[in-house]
Protein backbone atom coordinates (compact mmCIF):
# COMPACT_ATOMS: atom_id res chain seq x y z
CA UNK A 1 0.00 0.00 0.00
CA UNK A 2 1.70 3.20 -1.08
CA UNK A 3 1.30 6.56 0.54
CA UNK A 4 -2.13 8.07 -0.08
CA UNK A 5 -2.00 11.33 -2.03
CA UNK A 6 -1.43 14.29 0.22
CA UNK A 7 0.12 12.38 3.12
CA UNK A 8 3.63 12.85 4.38
CA UNK A 9 5.87 9.87 3.58
CA UNK A 10 5.41 7.03 6.05
CA UNK A 11 2.15 8.27 7.57
CA UNK A 12 -0.63 5.68 7.60
CA UNK A 13 1.32 3.34 5.35
CA UNK A 14 2.34 -0.29 5.84
CA UNK A 15 5.10 0.87 8.15
CA UNK A 16 2.49 2.29 10.51
CA UNK A 17 2.54 0.35 13.82
CA UNK A 18 0.17 -2.61 13.68
CA UNK A 19 -0.63 -2.23 9.98
CA UNK A 20 1.20 -5.41 8.98
CA UNK A 21 -0.74 -7.31 11.65
CA UNK A 22 -4.07 -6.54 9.99
CA UNK A 23 -5.65 -9.21 7.79
CA UNK A 24 -4.87 -8.82 4.09
CA UNK A 25 -8.49 -8.01 3.20
CA UNK A 26 -8.53 -5.14 5.72
CA UNK A 27 -5.27 -3.70 4.36
CA UNK A 28 -6.67 -4.00 0.82
CA UNK A 29 -9.90 -2.26 1.86
CA UNK A 30 -7.89 0.57 3.47
CA UNK A 31 -5.92 0.95 0.26
CA UNK A 32 -9.14 1.13 -1.78
CA UNK A 33 -10.62 3.71 0.60
CA UNK A 34 -7.66 6.06 0.91
CA UNK A 35 -9.79 9.18 0.48
CA UNK A 36 -12.05 8.23 3.39
CA UNK A 37 -9.47 8.82 6.11
CA UNK A 38 -7.09 11.70 6.64
CA UNK A 39 -5.53 10.99 10.01
CA UNK A 40 -4.83 8.18 12.46
CA UNK A 41 -8.15 8.50 14.27
CA UNK A 42 -10.16 8.20 11.05
CA UNK A 43 -8.05 5.26 9.91
CA UNK A 44 -8.58 3.45 13.21
CA UNK A 45 -12.33 4.07 12.98
CA UNK A 46 -12.41 2.64 9.46
CA UNK A 47 -10.35 -0.39 10.54
CA UNK A 48 -12.78 -0.98 13.38
CA UNK A 49 -15.79 -0.79 11.02
CA UNK A 50 -14.13 -3.13 8.53
CA UNK A 51 -13.28 -5.65 11.25
CA UNK A 52 -16.89 -5.65 12.46
CA UNK A 53 -18.15 -6.39 8.93
CA UNK A 54 -15.66 -9.21 8.52
PDB file of N, CA and C in Angstrom:
ATOM      1  N   UNK A   1       0.862  -1.166   0.000  1.00  0.00           N
ATOM      2  CA  UNK A   1       0.000   0.000   0.000  1.00  0.00           C
ATOM      3  C   UNK A   1       0.902   1.220   0.000  1.00  0.00           C
ATOM      4  N   UNK A   2       0.878   2.006  -1.004  1.00  0.00           N
ATOM      5  CA  UNK A   2       1.700   3.204  -1.082  1.00  0.00           C
ATOM      6  C   UNK A   2       1.145   4.296  -0.200  1.00  0.00           C
ATOM      7  N   UNK A   3       1.784   5.434  -0.233  1.00  0.00           N
ATOM      8  CA  UNK A   3       1.297   6.562   0.544  1.00  0.00           C
ATOM      9  C   UNK A   3       0.127   7.204  -0.174  1.00  0.00           C
ATOM     10  N   UNK A   4      -0.997   7.386   0.525  1.00  0.00           N
ATOM     11  CA  UNK A   4      -2.130   8.074  -0.082  1.00  0.00           C
ATOM     12  C   UNK A   4      -1.734   9.486  -0.480  1.00  0.00           C
ATOM     13  N   UNK A   5      -2.309   9.975  -1.541  1.00  0.00           N
ATOM     14  CA  UNK A   5      -1.998  11.326  -2.026  1.00  0.00           C
ATOM     15  C   UNK A   5      -2.226  12.348  -0.922  1.00  0.00           C
ATOM     16  N   UNK A   6      -1.294  13.238  -0.755  1.00  0.00           N
ATOM     17  CA  UNK A   6      -1.426  14.293   0.223  1.00  0.00           C
ATOM     18  C   UNK A   6      -0.879  13.965   1.601  1.00  0.00           C
ATOM     19  N   UNK A   7      -0.424  12.747   1.825  1.00  0.00           N
ATOM     20  CA  UNK A   7       0.120  12.381   3.120  1.00  0.00           C
ATOM     21  C   UNK A   7       1.633  12.489   3.102  1.00  0.00           C
ATOM     22  N   UNK A   8       2.172  12.826   4.243  1.00  0.00           N
ATOM     23  CA  UNK A   8       3.625  12.853   4.377  1.00  0.00           C
ATOM     24  C   UNK A   8       4.137  11.419   4.258  1.00  0.00           C
ATOM     25  N   UNK A   9       5.320  11.220   3.717  1.00  0.00           N
ATOM     26  CA  UNK A   9       5.867   9.868   3.579  1.00  0.00           C
ATOM     27  C   UNK A   9       5.858   9.116   4.902  1.00  0.00           C
ATOM     28  N   UNK A  10       5.406   7.882   4.870  1.00  0.00           N
ATOM     29  CA  UNK A  10       5.407   7.033   6.047  1.00  0.00           C
ATOM     30  C   UNK A  10       4.149   7.108   6.884  1.00  0.00           C
ATOM     31  N   UNK A  11       3.339   8.141   6.718  1.00  0.00           N
ATOM     32  CA  UNK A  11       2.149   8.266   7.566  1.00  0.00           C
ATOM     33  C   UNK A  11       1.028   7.377   7.042  1.00  0.00           C
ATOM     34  N   UNK A  12       0.478   6.571   7.901  1.00  0.00           N
ATOM     35  CA  UNK A  12      -0.634   5.682   7.600  1.00  0.00           C
ATOM     36  C   UNK A  12      -0.314   4.645   6.527  1.00  0.00           C
ATOM     37  N   UNK A  13       0.933   4.347   6.328  1.00  0.00           N
ATOM     38  CA  UNK A  13       1.323   3.336   5.351  1.00  0.00           C
ATOM     39  C   UNK A  13       1.555   1.991   6.017  1.00  0.00           C
ATOM     40  N   UNK A  14       2.095   1.031   5.276  1.00  0.00           N
ATOM     41  CA  UNK A  14       2.343  -0.294   5.835  1.00  0.00           C
ATOM     42  C   UNK A  14       3.331  -0.264   6.991  1.00  0.00           C
ATOM     43  N   UNK A  15       4.152   0.761   7.056  1.00  0.00           N
ATOM     44  CA  UNK A  15       5.103   0.866   8.152  1.00  0.00           C
ATOM     45  C   UNK A  15       4.456   1.405   9.423  1.00  0.00           C
ATOM     46  N   UNK A  16       3.200   1.790   9.338  1.00  0.00           N
ATOM     47  CA  UNK A  16       2.487   2.294  10.505  1.00  0.00           C
ATOM     48  C   UNK A  16       2.356   1.166  11.520  1.00  0.00           C
ATOM     49  N   UNK A  17       2.594   1.415  12.810  1.00  0.00           N
ATOM     50  CA  UNK A  17       2.541   0.346  13.818  1.00  0.00           C
ATOM     51  C   UNK A  17       1.221  -0.429  13.773  1.00  0.00           C
ATOM     52  N   UNK A  18       1.339  -1.742  13.696  1.00  0.00           N
ATOM     53  CA  UNK A  18       0.173  -2.610  13.680  1.00  0.00           C
ATOM     54  C   UNK A  18      -0.423  -2.868  12.314  1.00  0.00           C
ATOM     55  N   UNK A  19      -0.034  -2.089  11.311  1.00  0.00           N
ATOM     56  CA  UNK A  19      -0.633  -2.234   9.980  1.00  0.00           C
ATOM     57  C   UNK A  19      -0.349  -3.606   9.391  1.00  0.00           C
ATOM     58  N   UNK A  20       0.856  -4.097   9.544  1.00  0.00           N
ATOM     59  CA  UNK A  20       1.196  -5.408   8.982  1.00  0.00           C
ATOM     60  C   UNK A  20       0.487  -6.551   9.707  1.00  0.00           C
ATOM     61  N   UNK A  21      -0.022  -6.290  10.897  1.00  0.00           N
ATOM     62  CA  UNK A  21      -0.737  -7.313  11.653  1.00  0.00           C
ATOM     63  C   UNK A  21      -2.190  -7.447  11.218  1.00  0.00           C
ATOM     64  N   UNK A  22      -2.676  -6.487  10.451  1.00  0.00           N
ATOM     65  CA  UNK A  22      -4.066  -6.541   9.988  1.00  0.00           C
ATOM     66  C   UNK A  22      -4.219  -7.622   8.922  1.00  0.00           C
ATOM     67  N   UNK A  23      -5.402  -8.234   8.859  1.00  0.00           N
ATOM     68  CA  UNK A  23      -5.648  -9.212   7.791  1.00  0.00           C
ATOM     69  C   UNK A  23      -5.503  -8.553   6.414  1.00  0.00           C
ATOM     70  N   UNK A  24      -5.098  -9.325   5.440  1.00  0.00           N
ATOM     71  CA  UNK A  24      -4.865  -8.818   4.087  1.00  0.00           C
ATOM     72  C   UNK A  24      -6.093  -8.095   3.533  1.00  0.00           C
ATOM     73  N   UNK A  25      -7.291  -8.640   3.767  1.00  0.00           N
ATOM     74  CA  UNK A  25      -8.486  -8.006   3.204  1.00  0.00           C
ATOM     75  C   UNK A  25      -8.751  -6.634   3.821  1.00  0.00           C
ATOM     76  N   UNK A  26      -8.361  -6.447   5.074  1.00  0.00           N
ATOM     77  CA  UNK A  26      -8.526  -5.142   5.725  1.00  0.00           C
ATOM     78  C   UNK A  26      -7.520  -4.149   5.140  1.00  0.00           C
ATOM     79  N   UNK A  27      -6.279  -4.583   4.978  1.00  0.00           N
ATOM     80  CA  UNK A  27      -5.269  -3.705   4.362  1.00  0.00           C
ATOM     81  C   UNK A  27      -5.688  -3.318   2.947  1.00  0.00           C
ATOM     82  N   UNK A  28      -6.222  -4.284   2.189  1.00  0.00           N
ATOM     83  CA  UNK A  28      -6.670  -4.002   0.818  1.00  0.00           C
ATOM     84  C   UNK A  28      -7.826  -3.004   0.824  1.00  0.00           C
ATOM     85  N   UNK A  29      -8.764  -3.181   1.767  1.00  0.00           N
ATOM     86  CA  UNK A  29      -9.898  -2.255   1.857  1.00  0.00           C
ATOM     87  C   UNK A  29      -9.427  -0.851   2.227  1.00  0.00           C
ATOM     88  N   UNK A  30      -8.441  -0.744   3.118  1.00  0.00           N
ATOM     89  CA  UNK A  30      -7.893   0.570   3.467  1.00  0.00           C
ATOM     90  C   UNK A  30      -7.254   1.224   2.250  1.00  0.00           C
ATOM     91  N   UNK A  31      -6.555   0.432   1.466  1.00  0.00           N
ATOM     92  CA  UNK A  31      -5.919   0.952   0.261  1.00  0.00           C
ATOM     93  C   UNK A  31      -6.972   1.470  -0.716  1.00  0.00           C
ATOM     94  N   UNK A  32      -8.059   0.730  -0.860  1.00  0.00           N
ATOM     95  CA  UNK A  32      -9.139   1.133  -1.776  1.00  0.00           C
ATOM     96  C   UNK A  32      -9.866   2.378  -1.287  1.00  0.00           C
ATOM     97  N   UNK A  33      -9.864   2.611   0.006  1.00  0.00           N
ATOM     98  CA  UNK A  33     -10.623   3.714   0.600  1.00  0.00           C
ATOM     99  C   UNK A  33      -9.739   4.845   1.098  1.00  0.00           C
ATOM    100  N   UNK A  34      -8.620   5.035   0.470  1.00  0.00           N
ATOM    101  CA  UNK A  34      -7.655   6.058   0.907  1.00  0.00           C
ATOM    102  C   UNK A  34      -8.281   7.418   1.172  1.00  0.00           C
ATOM    103  N   UNK A  35      -9.193   7.848   0.338  1.00  0.00           N
ATOM    104  CA  UNK A  35      -9.785   9.179   0.478  1.00  0.00           C
ATOM    105  C   UNK A  35     -10.752   9.304   1.636  1.00  0.00           C
ATOM    106  N   UNK A  36     -11.075   8.205   2.303  1.00  0.00           N
ATOM    107  CA  UNK A  36     -12.048   8.230   3.389  1.00  0.00           C
ATOM    108  C   UNK A  36     -11.417   8.514   4.750  1.00  0.00           C
ATOM    109  N   UNK A  37     -10.118   8.508   4.837  1.00  0.00           N
ATOM    110  CA  UNK A  37      -9.468   8.817   6.106  1.00  0.00           C
ATOM    111  C   UNK A  37      -8.295   9.750   5.859  1.00  0.00           C
ATOM    112  N   UNK A  38      -8.119  10.679   6.800  1.00  0.00           N
ATOM    113  CA  UNK A  38      -7.091  11.698   6.636  1.00  0.00           C
ATOM    114  C   UNK A  38      -6.150  11.802   7.829  1.00  0.00           C
ATOM    115  N   UNK A  39      -6.407  10.985   8.837  1.00  0.00           N
ATOM    116  CA  UNK A  39      -5.531  10.990  10.008  1.00  0.00           C
ATOM    117  C   UNK A  39      -5.647   9.642  10.712  1.00  0.00           C
ATOM    118  N   UNK A  40      -4.872   9.465  11.745  1.00  0.00           N
ATOM    119  CA  UNK A  40      -4.832   8.183  12.458  1.00  0.00           C
ATOM    120  C   UNK A  40      -6.192   7.817  13.054  1.00  0.00           C
ATOM    121  N   UNK A  41      -6.862   8.776  13.642  1.00  0.00           N
ATOM    122  CA  UNK A  41      -8.153   8.498  14.273  1.00  0.00           C
ATOM    123  C   UNK A  41      -9.172   7.986  13.247  1.00  0.00           C
ATOM    124  N   UNK A  42      -9.235   8.634  12.098  1.00  0.00           N
ATOM    125  CA  UNK A  42     -10.156   8.200  11.052  1.00  0.00           C
ATOM    126  C   UNK A  42      -9.784   6.826  10.514  1.00  0.00           C
ATOM    127  N   UNK A  43      -8.488   6.564  10.381  1.00  0.00           N
ATOM    128  CA  UNK A  43      -8.047   5.258   9.908  1.00  0.00           C
ATOM    129  C   UNK A  43      -8.434   4.176  10.913  1.00  0.00           C
ATOM    130  N   UNK A  44      -8.224   4.435  12.186  1.00  0.00           N
ATOM    131  CA  UNK A  44      -8.583   3.450  13.215  1.00  0.00           C
ATOM    132  C   UNK A  44     -10.085   3.183  13.216  1.00  0.00           C
ATOM    133  N   UNK A  45     -10.881   4.234  13.029  1.00  0.00           N
ATOM    134  CA  UNK A  45     -12.328   4.069  12.983  1.00  0.00           C
ATOM    135  C   UNK A  45     -12.728   3.196  11.794  1.00  0.00           C
ATOM    136  N   UNK A  46     -12.122   3.440  10.657  1.00  0.00           N
ATOM    137  CA  UNK A  46     -12.413   2.640   9.464  1.00  0.00           C
ATOM    138  C   UNK A  46     -11.976   1.189   9.663  1.00  0.00           C
ATOM    139  N   UNK A  47     -10.810   0.972  10.255  1.00  0.00           N
ATOM    140  CA  UNK A  47     -10.347  -0.392  10.536  1.00  0.00           C
ATOM    141  C   UNK A  47     -11.350  -1.087  11.444  1.00  0.00           C
ATOM    142  N   UNK A  48     -11.817  -0.394  12.456  1.00  0.00           N
ATOM    143  CA  UNK A  48     -12.784  -0.980  13.380  1.00  0.00           C
ATOM    144  C   UNK A  48     -14.062  -1.379  12.639  1.00  0.00           C
ATOM    145  N   UNK A  49     -14.579  -0.501  11.795  1.00  0.00           N
ATOM    146  CA  UNK A  49     -15.792  -0.790  11.024  1.00  0.00           C
ATOM    147  C   UNK A  49     -15.570  -1.984  10.100  1.00  0.00           C
ATOM    148  N   UNK A  50     -14.429  -2.022   9.450  1.00  0.00           N
ATOM    149  CA  UNK A  50     -14.134  -3.126   8.526  1.00  0.00           C
ATOM    150  C   UNK A  50     -14.016  -4.450   9.278  1.00  0.00           C
ATOM    151  N   UNK A  51     -13.416  -4.417  10.462  1.00  0.00           N
ATOM    152  CA  UNK A  51     -13.276  -5.645  11.249  1.00  0.00           C
ATOM    153  C   UNK A  51     -14.635  -6.147  11.720  1.00  0.00           C
ATOM    154  N   UNK A  52     -15.546  -5.239  12.041  1.00  0.00           N
ATOM    155  CA  UNK A  52     -16.885  -5.651  12.459  1.00  0.00           C
ATOM    156  C   UNK A  52     -17.654  -6.309  11.317  1.00  0.00           C
ATOM    157  N   UNK A  53     -17.455  -5.832  10.103  1.00  0.00           N
ATOM    158  CA  UNK A  53     -18.146  -6.394   8.933  1.00  0.00           C
ATOM    159  C   UNK A  53     -17.585  -7.730   8.501  1.00  0.00           C
ATOM    160  N   UNK A  54     -16.398  -8.017   8.924  1.00  0.00           N
ATOM    161  CA  UNK A  54     -15.659  -9.209   8.523  1.00  0.00           C
ATOM    162  C   UNK A  54     -16.321 -10.459   8.917  1.00  0.00           C
TER     163      UNK A  54
END
